[in-house]
Each structure stands twice: as C-alpha cells, then as structure tokens.
Amino acid sequence: MAEMGFTHLDAQGRARMVDVTPKDPTHRRAIARGRVYMLPDTALAVAQGAIGKGDVLAVARVAGIQAAKKTPDLIPLCHPLLVGSVLINFSIEDNYVEVEAEVETFDRTGVEMEALTACSIAALTIYDMCKSRDKAMTIGDISLWEKTGGKSGPYRRPPTGSPA
C-alpha cells in the first residue's frame, strides 16, 4: 500500500509515523477557527461573564492552549513538536462564540493539527461551561484558515463561496 502513496502506511500496509528527520526546521504557523452556536441569551451571558460556572472564555482559553500541547497524545500519528506559541481569541456574536486558535513553532512539521485541536477543545469547553443553560448548543465550522511554512508553502482559506 505504501507504493500507492499512502504516507502513513508502510510497505505491508501497517500504520507508521512519517519520518520527518530529513526535513529542515522552519518557522510554521497555523490558524484554525470554529463556532459554538447558542441561544442569544446564552451568548449575552457569556459576554457579561454571567455563566454560573465562571469565566467561560478564560477557562476555554487555557483549555485550548493545553490541547495544542497535547495534540500528539490525542492523534496517533501526529508528531510531537515544540509548540512555541498558542493564542486563543474569541469573538462573541448574537448567537455564537467564534474561537480562533493560532499556533506557532520552529520545527520539521506543521502545526495545523495543533491549531485545529486547540480550537476544538476551546469550543468543547465553552459548551461544557454553558450546557446547563443551553442544551441546544452546537459546535461547527471548525476549519483551517491559514498556514505558513513547510514544503507545501502558505495556504489561506478562500472567501466563502469561492472555489478551493
């Protein structure tokens, strides 16, 4: 199967971790975004710090940072790397909280998975802290928005409605 180009399978079809040791370390950055959709009064309560469990965004920020550092523990073939920086930001709208996770490193492989994991866990933390108030919340739109560095070069998600 490896002959067919599957990078995470060896010649016998067994899972393997891609060898990144020949690669040169470079500066790499990735940004992921996602949303937690909720009732407008829940979004307002988050904005006002009026959720009974505490400061939702502060806890979600720490959870996202921790998640970025734990990504290889969660995703089996993901390389451990030195996470140099993690920024988690939020935007509160009428019926959702948008999560943005930005991760940087100087290493041999990218941080897309770390950014996506950080975004996902921050969103799950928001859900957890608000679930007693709003059981109809949904998490969605988690995607890579931008990445720089590495052999494949830069990527930026095209505007909505544009072909990829």
C-alpha atoms as a PDB file:
ATOM      1  CA  MET A   1       0.000   0.000   0.000  1.00  0.00           C
ATOM      2  CA  ALA A   2       2.867   2.405   0.656  1.00  0.00           C
ATOM      3  CA  GLU A   3       3.782   2.106  -3.029  1.00  0.00           C
ATOM      4  CA  MET A   4       0.429   3.735  -3.842  1.00  0.00           C
ATOM      5  CA  GLY A   5       1.477   6.875  -2.000  1.00  0.00           C
ATOM      6  CA  PHE A   6      -0.050   6.406   1.432  1.00  0.00           C
ATOM      7  CA  THR A   7       2.436   8.251   3.624  1.00  0.00           C
ATOM      8  CA  HIS A   8       1.168   6.801   6.901  1.00  0.00           C
ATOM      9  CA  LEU A   9       1.335   3.155   5.800  1.00  0.00           C
ATOM     10  CA  ASP A  10       4.457   1.020   5.368  1.00  0.00           C
ATOM     11  CA  ALA A  11       5.009  -1.488   2.535  1.00  0.00           C
ATOM     12  CA  GLN A  12       2.935  -4.078   4.444  1.00  0.00           C
ATOM     13  CA  GLY A  13       0.025  -1.693   4.941  1.00  0.00           C
ATOM     14  CA  ARG A  14       0.742  -1.082   8.634  1.00  0.00           C
ATOM     15  CA  ALA A  15       0.345   2.327  10.231  1.00  0.00           C
ATOM     16  CA  ARG A  16       3.594   4.257  10.538  1.00  0.00           C
ATOM     17  CA  MET A  17       4.713   7.681  11.543  1.00  0.00           C
ATOM     18  CA  VAL A  18       6.193   9.659   8.648  1.00  0.00           C
ATOM     19  CA  ASP A  19       9.936  10.235   9.013  1.00  0.00           C
ATOM     20  CA  VAL A  20      10.467  13.991   9.281  1.00  0.00           C
ATOM     21  CA  THR A  21      14.094  13.802  10.421  1.00  0.00           C
ATOM     22  CA  PRO A  22      15.497  14.682   6.950  1.00  0.00           C
ATOM     23  CA  LYS A  23      13.460  17.908   6.867  1.00  0.00           C
ATOM     24  CA  ASP A  24      14.956  21.217   7.903  1.00  0.00           C
ATOM     25  CA  PRO A  25      13.201  23.024  10.743  1.00  0.00           C
ATOM     26  CA  THR A  26      11.364  26.156   9.608  1.00  0.00           C
ATOM     27  CA  HIS A  27       9.025  28.686  11.165  1.00  0.00           C
ATOM     28  CA  ARG A  28       5.474  27.371  10.879  1.00  0.00           C
ATOM     29  CA  ARG A  29       2.165  28.885  11.878  1.00  0.00           C
ATOM     30  CA  ALA A  30      -1.456  27.774  11.594  1.00  0.00           C
ATOM     31  CA  ILE A  31      -4.783  29.412  12.361  1.00  0.00           C
ATOM     32  CA  ALA A  32      -7.992  27.452  12.907  1.00  0.00           C
ATOM     33  CA  ARG A  33     -11.468  28.790  13.602  1.00  0.00           C
ATOM     34  CA  GLY A  34     -14.729  27.309  14.773  1.00  0.00           C
ATOM     35  CA  ARG A  35     -18.021  28.360  16.304  1.00  0.00           C
ATOM     36  CA  VAL A  36     -20.228  27.393  19.210  1.00  0.00           C
ATOM     37  CA  TYR A  37     -23.787  28.218  18.197  1.00  0.00           C
ATOM     38  CA  MET A  38     -26.099  29.071  21.080  1.00  0.00           C
ATOM     39  CA  LEU A  39     -29.209  30.964  22.076  1.00  0.00           C
ATOM     40  CA  PRO A  40     -28.787  34.751  22.027  1.00  0.00           C
ATOM     41  CA  ASP A  41     -29.311  34.984  25.798  1.00  0.00           C
ATOM     42  CA  THR A  42     -26.535  32.434  26.323  1.00  0.00           C
ATOM     43  CA  ALA A  43     -24.149  34.440  24.125  1.00  0.00           C
ATOM     44  CA  LEU A  44     -25.065  37.551  26.096  1.00  0.00           C
ATOM     45  CA  ALA A  45     -24.446  35.760  29.401  1.00  0.00           C
ATOM     46  CA  VAL A  46     -21.015  34.630  28.148  1.00  0.00           C
ATOM     47  CA  ALA A  47     -20.211  38.205  27.124  1.00  0.00           C
ATOM     48  CA  GLN A  48     -21.318  39.552  30.503  1.00  0.00           C
ATOM     49  CA  GLY A  49     -19.496  36.877  32.497  1.00  0.00           C
ATOM     50  CA  ALA A  50     -22.825  35.703  33.890  1.00  0.00           C
ATOM     51  CA  ILE A  51     -22.459  31.935  33.416  1.00  0.00           C
ATOM     52  CA  GLY A  52     -22.703  30.202  36.793  1.00  0.00           C
ATOM     53  CA  LYS A  53     -19.632  28.006  36.314  1.00  0.00           C
ATOM     54  CA  GLY A  54     -17.305  31.004  35.992  1.00  0.00           C
ATOM     55  CA  ASP A  55     -15.367  32.888  33.336  1.00  0.00           C
ATOM     56  CA  VAL A  56     -16.169  30.791  30.272  1.00  0.00           C
ATOM     57  CA  LEU A  57     -13.661  32.378  27.933  1.00  0.00           C
ATOM     58  CA  ALA A  58     -10.763  32.320  30.414  1.00  0.00           C
ATOM     59  CA  VAL A  59     -11.266  28.602  31.033  1.00  0.00           C
ATOM     60  CA  ALA A  60     -11.726  27.879  27.304  1.00  0.00           C
ATOM     61  CA  ARG A  61      -8.534  29.817  26.515  1.00  0.00           C
ATOM     62  CA  VAL A  62      -6.471  27.729  28.951  1.00  0.00           C
ATOM     63  CA  ALA A  63      -8.111  24.523  27.682  1.00  0.00           C
ATOM     64  CA  GLY A  64      -7.220  25.416  24.087  1.00  0.00           C
ATOM     65  CA  ILE A  65      -3.606  26.155  24.992  1.00  0.00           C
ATOM     66  CA  GLN A  66      -3.323  22.881  26.882  1.00  0.00           C
ATOM     67  CA  ALA A  67      -4.927  20.989  23.992  1.00  0.00           C
ATOM     68  CA  ALA A  68      -2.393  22.319  21.474  1.00  0.00           C
ATOM     69  CA  LYS A  69       0.413  20.967  23.658  1.00  0.00           C
ATOM     70  CA  LYS A  70      -1.324  17.567  23.999  1.00  0.00           C
ATOM     71  CA  THR A  71      -2.197  17.039  20.316  1.00  0.00           C
ATOM     72  CA  PRO A  72       0.204  14.117  19.701  1.00  0.00           C
ATOM     73  CA  ASP A  73      -1.306  12.350  22.727  1.00  0.00           C
ATOM     74  CA  LEU A  74      -4.734  12.542  21.079  1.00  0.00           C
ATOM     75  CA  ILE A  75      -3.965  11.968  17.390  1.00  0.00           C
ATOM     76  CA  PRO A  76      -1.992   8.736  16.994  1.00  0.00           C
ATOM     77  CA  LEU A  77       0.344   9.582  14.085  1.00  0.00           C
ATOM     78  CA  CYS A  78       0.832  13.258  14.903  1.00  0.00           C
ATOM     79  CA  HIS A  79       4.456  14.215  15.634  1.00  0.00           C
ATOM     80  CA  PRO A  80       5.355  15.710  18.989  1.00  0.00           C
ATOM     81  CA  LEU A  81       6.885  19.106  18.402  1.00  0.00           C
ATOM     82  CA  LEU A  82       7.928  22.127  20.351  1.00  0.00           C
ATOM     83  CA  VAL A  83       4.897  24.397  20.459  1.00  0.00           C
ATOM     84  CA  GLY A  84       6.377  27.860  20.625  1.00  0.00           C
ATOM     85  CA  SER A  85       3.220  29.924  20.912  1.00  0.00           C
ATOM     86  CA  VAL A  86      -0.526  29.420  21.255  1.00  0.00           C
ATOM     87  CA  LEU A  87      -3.013  32.274  21.076  1.00  0.00           C
ATOM     88  CA  ILE A  88      -6.727  31.668  21.608  1.00  0.00           C
ATOM     89  CA  ASN A  89      -9.119  34.512  20.816  1.00  0.00           C
ATOM     90  CA  PHE A  90     -12.891  34.800  20.870  1.00  0.00           C
ATOM     91  CA  SER A  91     -15.496  36.851  19.091  1.00  0.00           C
ATOM     92  CA  ILE A  92     -18.994  36.919  20.552  1.00  0.00           C
ATOM     93  CA  GLU A  93     -21.847  37.459  18.110  1.00  0.00           C
ATOM     94  CA  ASP A  94     -25.632  37.373  18.581  1.00  0.00           C
ATOM     95  CA  ASN A  95     -25.975  33.595  18.514  1.00  0.00           C
ATOM     96  CA  TYR A  96     -22.460  32.151  18.603  1.00  0.00           C
ATOM     97  CA  VAL A  97     -18.987  32.449  20.011  1.00  0.00           C
ATOM     98  CA  GLU A  98     -16.239  32.183  17.425  1.00  0.00           C
ATOM     99  CA  VAL A  99     -12.991  30.583  18.546  1.00  0.00           C
ATOM    100  CA  GLU A 100      -9.705  31.319  16.812  1.00  0.00           C
ATOM    101  CA  ALA A 101      -6.564  29.352  17.635  1.00  0.00           C
ATOM    102  CA  GLU A 102      -3.152  30.392  16.336  1.00  0.00           C
ATOM    103  CA  VAL A 103      -0.172  28.110  16.913  1.00  0.00           C
ATOM    104  CA  GLU A 104       3.476  28.688  16.011  1.00  0.00           C
ATOM    105  CA  THR A 105       6.627  26.584  16.076  1.00  0.00           C
ATOM    106  CA  PHE A 106      10.082  26.321  14.590  1.00  0.00           C
ATOM    107  CA  ASP A 107      10.191  22.641  13.700  1.00  0.00           C
ATOM    108  CA  ARG A 108      10.192  19.976  10.965  1.00  0.00           C
ATOM    109  CA  THR A 109       6.438  19.580  10.657  1.00  0.00           C
ATOM    110  CA  GLY A 110       3.442  21.890  10.701  1.00  0.00           C
ATOM    111  CA  VAL A 111       1.083  22.900  13.470  1.00  0.00           C
ATOM    112  CA  GLU A 112      -2.237  22.583  11.634  1.00  0.00           C
ATOM    113  CA  MET A 113      -3.378  19.736  13.872  1.00  0.00           C
ATOM    114  CA  GLU A 114      -2.367  21.652  16.995  1.00  0.00           C
ATOM    115  CA  ALA A 115      -4.400  24.676  15.884  1.00  0.00           C
ATOM    116  CA  LEU A 116      -7.429  22.542  14.990  1.00  0.00           C
ATOM    117  CA  THR A 117      -7.201  20.644  18.286  1.00  0.00           C
ATOM    118  CA  ALA A 118      -6.864  23.859  20.294  1.00  0.00           C
ATOM    119  CA  CYS A 119      -9.900  25.331  18.536  1.00  0.00           C
ATOM    120  CA  SER A 120     -11.958  22.163  19.057  1.00  0.00           C
ATOM    121  CA  ILE A 121     -11.157  21.806  22.742  1.00  0.00           C
ATOM    122  CA  ALA A 122     -11.764  25.505  23.422  1.00  0.00           C
ATOM    123  CA  ALA A 123     -15.167  25.130  21.729  1.00  0.00           C
ATOM    124  CA  LEU A 124     -15.952  21.984  23.732  1.00  0.00           C
ATOM    125  CA  THR A 125     -15.014  23.830  26.914  1.00  0.00           C
ATOM    126  CA  ILE A 126     -17.430  26.646  26.068  1.00  0.00           C
ATOM    127  CA  TYR A 127     -20.105  24.006  25.504  1.00  0.00           C
ATOM    128  CA  ASP A 128     -19.291  22.329  28.825  1.00  0.00           C
ATOM    129  CA  MET A 129     -19.429  25.576  30.781  1.00  0.00           C
ATOM    130  CA  CYS A 130     -22.733  26.657  29.188  1.00  0.00           C
ATOM    131  CA  LYS A 131     -24.597  23.354  28.805  1.00  0.00           C
ATOM    132  CA  SER A 132     -26.736  23.760  31.916  1.00  0.00           C
ATOM    133  CA  ARG A 133     -28.115  26.985  30.448  1.00  0.00           C
ATOM    134  CA  ASP A 134     -28.436  25.945  26.778  1.00  0.00           C
ATOM    135  CA  LYS A 135     -28.715  22.283  25.849  1.00  0.00           C
ATOM    136  CA  ALA A 136     -29.332  23.068  22.164  1.00  0.00           C
ATOM    137  CA  MET A 137     -25.832  24.442  21.510  1.00  0.00           C
ATOM    138  CA  THR A 138     -23.943  23.058  18.535  1.00  0.00           C
ATOM    139  CA  ILE A 139     -20.290  23.204  17.591  1.00  0.00           C
ATOM    140  CA  GLY A 140     -19.378  23.668  13.962  1.00  0.00           C
ATOM    141  CA  ASP A 141     -17.377  25.280  11.201  1.00  0.00           C
ATOM    142  CA  ILE A 142     -14.052  24.112  12.619  1.00  0.00           C
ATOM    143  CA  SER A 143     -11.516  24.518   9.838  1.00  0.00           C
ATOM    144  CA  LEU A 144      -8.012  25.573   8.955  1.00  0.00           C
ATOM    145  CA  TRP A 145      -7.958  29.213   7.882  1.00  0.00           C
ATOM    146  CA  GLU A 146      -4.299  29.790   7.292  1.00  0.00           C
ATOM    147  CA  LYS A 147      -0.933  28.090   7.460  1.00  0.00           C
ATOM    148  CA  THR A 148       2.601  29.163   6.662  1.00  0.00           C
ATOM    149  CA  GLY A 149       5.909  27.365   6.449  1.00  0.00           C
ATOM    150  CA  GLY A 150       6.919  23.962   5.243  1.00  0.00           C
ATOM    151  CA  LYS A 151       7.356  22.348   1.852  1.00  0.00           C
ATOM    152  CA  SER A 152       3.761  22.859   0.708  1.00  0.00           C
ATOM    153  CA  GLY A 153       4.020  26.614   1.289  1.00  0.00           C
ATOM    154  CA  PRO A 154       1.363  29.022   2.501  1.00  0.00           C
ATOM    155  CA  TYR A 155      -2.364  28.343   2.497  1.00  0.00           C
ATOM    156  CA  ARG A 156      -5.200  30.751   3.090  1.00  0.00           C
ATOM    157  CA  ARG A 157      -8.853  29.652   3.061  1.00  0.00           C
ATOM    158  CA  PRO A 158     -10.652  31.369   0.193  1.00  0.00           C
ATOM    159  CA  PRO A 159     -13.608  33.629   0.965  1.00  0.00           C
ATOM    160  CA  THR A 160     -16.951  31.835   1.344  1.00  0.00           C
ATOM    161  CA  GLY A 161     -18.421  30.881  -1.998  1.00  0.00           C
ATOM    162  CA  SER A 162     -15.037  30.808  -3.779  1.00  0.00           C
ATOM    163  CA  PRO A 163     -13.702  27.581  -5.230  1.00  0.00           C
ATOM    164  CA  ALA A 164     -10.972  25.993  -3.086  1.00  0.00           C
END
